[in-house]
C-alpha atoms as a PDB file:
ATOM      1  CA  MET A   1       0.000   0.000   0.000  1.00  0.00           C
ATOM      2  CA  ASN A   2       0.935   3.609  -0.375  1.00  0.00           C
ATOM      3  CA  GLN A   3       1.593   4.606   3.211  1.00  0.00           C
ATOM      4  CA  GLU A   4       3.999   7.367   4.072  1.00  0.00           C
ATOM      5  CA  LYS A   5       4.558   7.782   7.812  1.00  0.00           C
ATOM      6  CA  GLY A   6       1.660   5.456   8.521  1.00  0.00           C
ATOM      7  CA  ARG A   7      -1.352   7.703   7.866  1.00  0.00           C
ATOM      8  CA  PRO A   8      -1.871   9.038   4.337  1.00  0.00           C
ATOM      9  CA  LEU A   9      -4.854   6.758   3.932  1.00  0.00           C
ATOM     10  CA  THR A  10      -6.513   8.481   6.885  1.00  0.00           C
ATOM     11  CA  ARG A  11      -5.813  11.924   5.441  1.00  0.00           C
ATOM     12  CA  THR A  12      -7.181  10.820   2.090  1.00  0.00           C
ATOM     13  CA  LEU A  13     -10.307   9.500   3.756  1.00  0.00           C
ATOM     14  CA  VAL A  14     -10.814  12.736   5.686  1.00  0.00           C
ATOM     15  CA  LEU A  15     -10.388  14.786   2.512  1.00  0.00           C
ATOM     16  CA  ARG A  16     -12.875  12.576   0.694  1.00  0.00           C
ATOM     17  CA  LEU A  17     -15.395  13.028   3.499  1.00  0.00           C
ATOM     18  CA  ALA A  18     -14.932  16.802   3.248  1.00  0.00           C
ATOM     19  CA  ILE A  19     -15.485  16.700  -0.507  1.00  0.00           C
ATOM     20  CA  VAL A  20     -18.574  14.499  -0.173  1.00  0.00           C
ATOM     21  CA  SER A  21     -20.146  16.697   2.502  1.00  0.00           C
ATOM     22  CA  THR A  22     -19.523  19.787   0.376  1.00  0.00           C
ATOM     23  CA  ALA A  23     -20.989  18.077  -2.685  1.00  0.00           C
ATOM     24  CA  ILE A  24     -24.126  17.148  -0.752  1.00  0.00           C
ATOM     25  CA  ALA A  25     -24.524  20.735   0.464  1.00  0.00           C
ATOM     26  CA  VAL A  26     -24.098  22.058  -3.083  1.00  0.00           C
ATOM     27  CA  ALA A  27     -26.617  19.510  -4.375  1.00  0.00           C
ATOM     28  CA  LEU A  28     -29.106  20.724  -1.779  1.00  0.00           C
ATOM     29  CA  ALA A  29     -28.471  24.312  -2.875  1.00  0.00           C
ATOM     30  CA  LEU A  30     -29.037  23.392  -6.521  1.00  0.00           C
ATOM     31  CA  ALA A  31     -32.233  21.548  -5.630  1.00  0.00           C
ATOM     32  CA  LEU A  32     -33.409  24.673  -3.843  1.00  0.00           C
ATOM     33  CA  LEU A  33     -32.470  26.782  -6.846  1.00  0.00           C
ATOM     34  CA  ILE A  34     -34.349  24.547  -9.288  1.00  0.00           C
ATOM     35  CA  LYS A  35     -37.569  24.170  -7.318  1.00  0.00           C
ATOM     36  CA  GLU A  36     -38.212  25.990  -4.083  1.00  0.00           C
ATOM     37  CA  THR A  37     -40.502  24.045  -1.805  1.00  0.00           C
ATOM     38  CA  ALA A  38     -40.910  24.214   1.929  1.00  0.00           C
ATOM     39  CA  TYR A  39     -39.343  20.785   2.422  1.00  0.00           C
ATOM     40  CA  VAL A  40     -36.267  21.484   0.306  1.00  0.00           C
ATOM     41  CA  PHE A  41     -35.821  24.872   1.969  1.00  0.00           C
ATOM     42  CA  SER A  42     -36.068  23.343   5.444  1.00  0.00           C
ATOM     43  CA  VAL A  43     -33.589  20.584   4.627  1.00  0.00           C
ATOM     44  CA  PHE A  44     -31.193  23.082   3.078  1.00  0.00           C
ATOM     45  CA  MET A  45     -31.389  25.464   6.026  1.00  0.00           C
ATOM     46  CA  PHE A  46     -30.874  22.770   8.664  1.00  0.00           C
ATOM     47  CA  ILE A  47     -28.449  20.385   6.957  1.00  0.00           C
ATOM     48  CA  GLY A  48     -26.580  22.573   4.449  1.00  0.00           C
ATOM     49  CA  PRO A  49     -24.650  24.771   6.905  1.00  0.00           C
ATOM     50  CA  VAL A  50     -23.831  21.780   9.097  1.00  0.00           C
ATOM     51  CA  LEU A  51     -22.377  19.906   6.121  1.00  0.00           C
ATOM     52  CA  LEU A  52     -20.283  22.907   5.122  1.00  0.00           C
ATOM     53  CA  LEU A  53     -19.060  23.341   8.702  1.00  0.00           C
ATOM     54  CA  ILE A  54     -18.054  19.680   8.834  1.00  0.00           C
ATOM     55  CA  ALA A  55     -16.153  20.076   5.550  1.00  0.00           C
ATOM     56  CA  VAL A  56     -14.289  23.154   6.785  1.00  0.00           C
ATOM     57  CA  LEU A  57     -13.370  21.483  10.074  1.00  0.00           C
ATOM     58  CA  LEU A  58     -12.137  18.343   8.332  1.00  0.00           C
ATOM     59  CA  LEU A  59     -10.071  20.369   5.883  1.00  0.00           C
ATOM     60  CA  GLY A  60      -8.626  22.442   8.721  1.00  0.00           C
ATOM     61  CA  PHE A  61      -7.728  19.249  10.577  1.00  0.00           C
ATOM     62  CA  VAL A  62      -5.832  17.873   7.571  1.00  0.00           C
ATOM     63  CA  ILE A  63      -4.015  21.171   6.999  1.00  0.00           C
ATOM     64  CA  PHE A  64      -3.049  21.360  10.677  1.00  0.00           C
ATOM     65  CA  LYS A  65      -1.728  17.782  10.643  1.00  0.00           C
ATOM     66  CA  GLU A  66       0.271  18.426   7.468  1.00  0.00           C
ATOM     67  CA  LEU A  67       1.845  21.563   8.916  1.00  0.00           C
ATOM     68  CA  ARG A  68       2.718  19.766  12.158  1.00  0.00           C
ATOM     69  CA  ALA A  69       4.211  16.842  10.243  1.00  0.00           C
ATOM     70  CA  LYS A  70       6.468  19.219   8.321  1.00  0.00           C
ATOM     71  CA  GLN A  71       7.280  21.113  11.550  1.00  0.00           C
ATOM     72  CA  VAL A  72       6.042  24.436  10.232  1.00  0.00           C
ATOM     73  CA  ILE A  73       4.054  25.039  13.409  1.00  0.00           C
END
């Protein structure tokens, strides 16, 4: 397997989760743009920001780990 320092698979998985959560949030936004119903609006308003927050936190976690591994911080 392609493992450098034991954990690139974990970082790849975290980045994929961030991408998937962002894609779901964007899909919800597009669904709201195409047809605005009360159900789609409610789902977008409750789940969309949470998915984007999760993506930002996961990306920040990966960036922080990369910087610590390279001893920048």
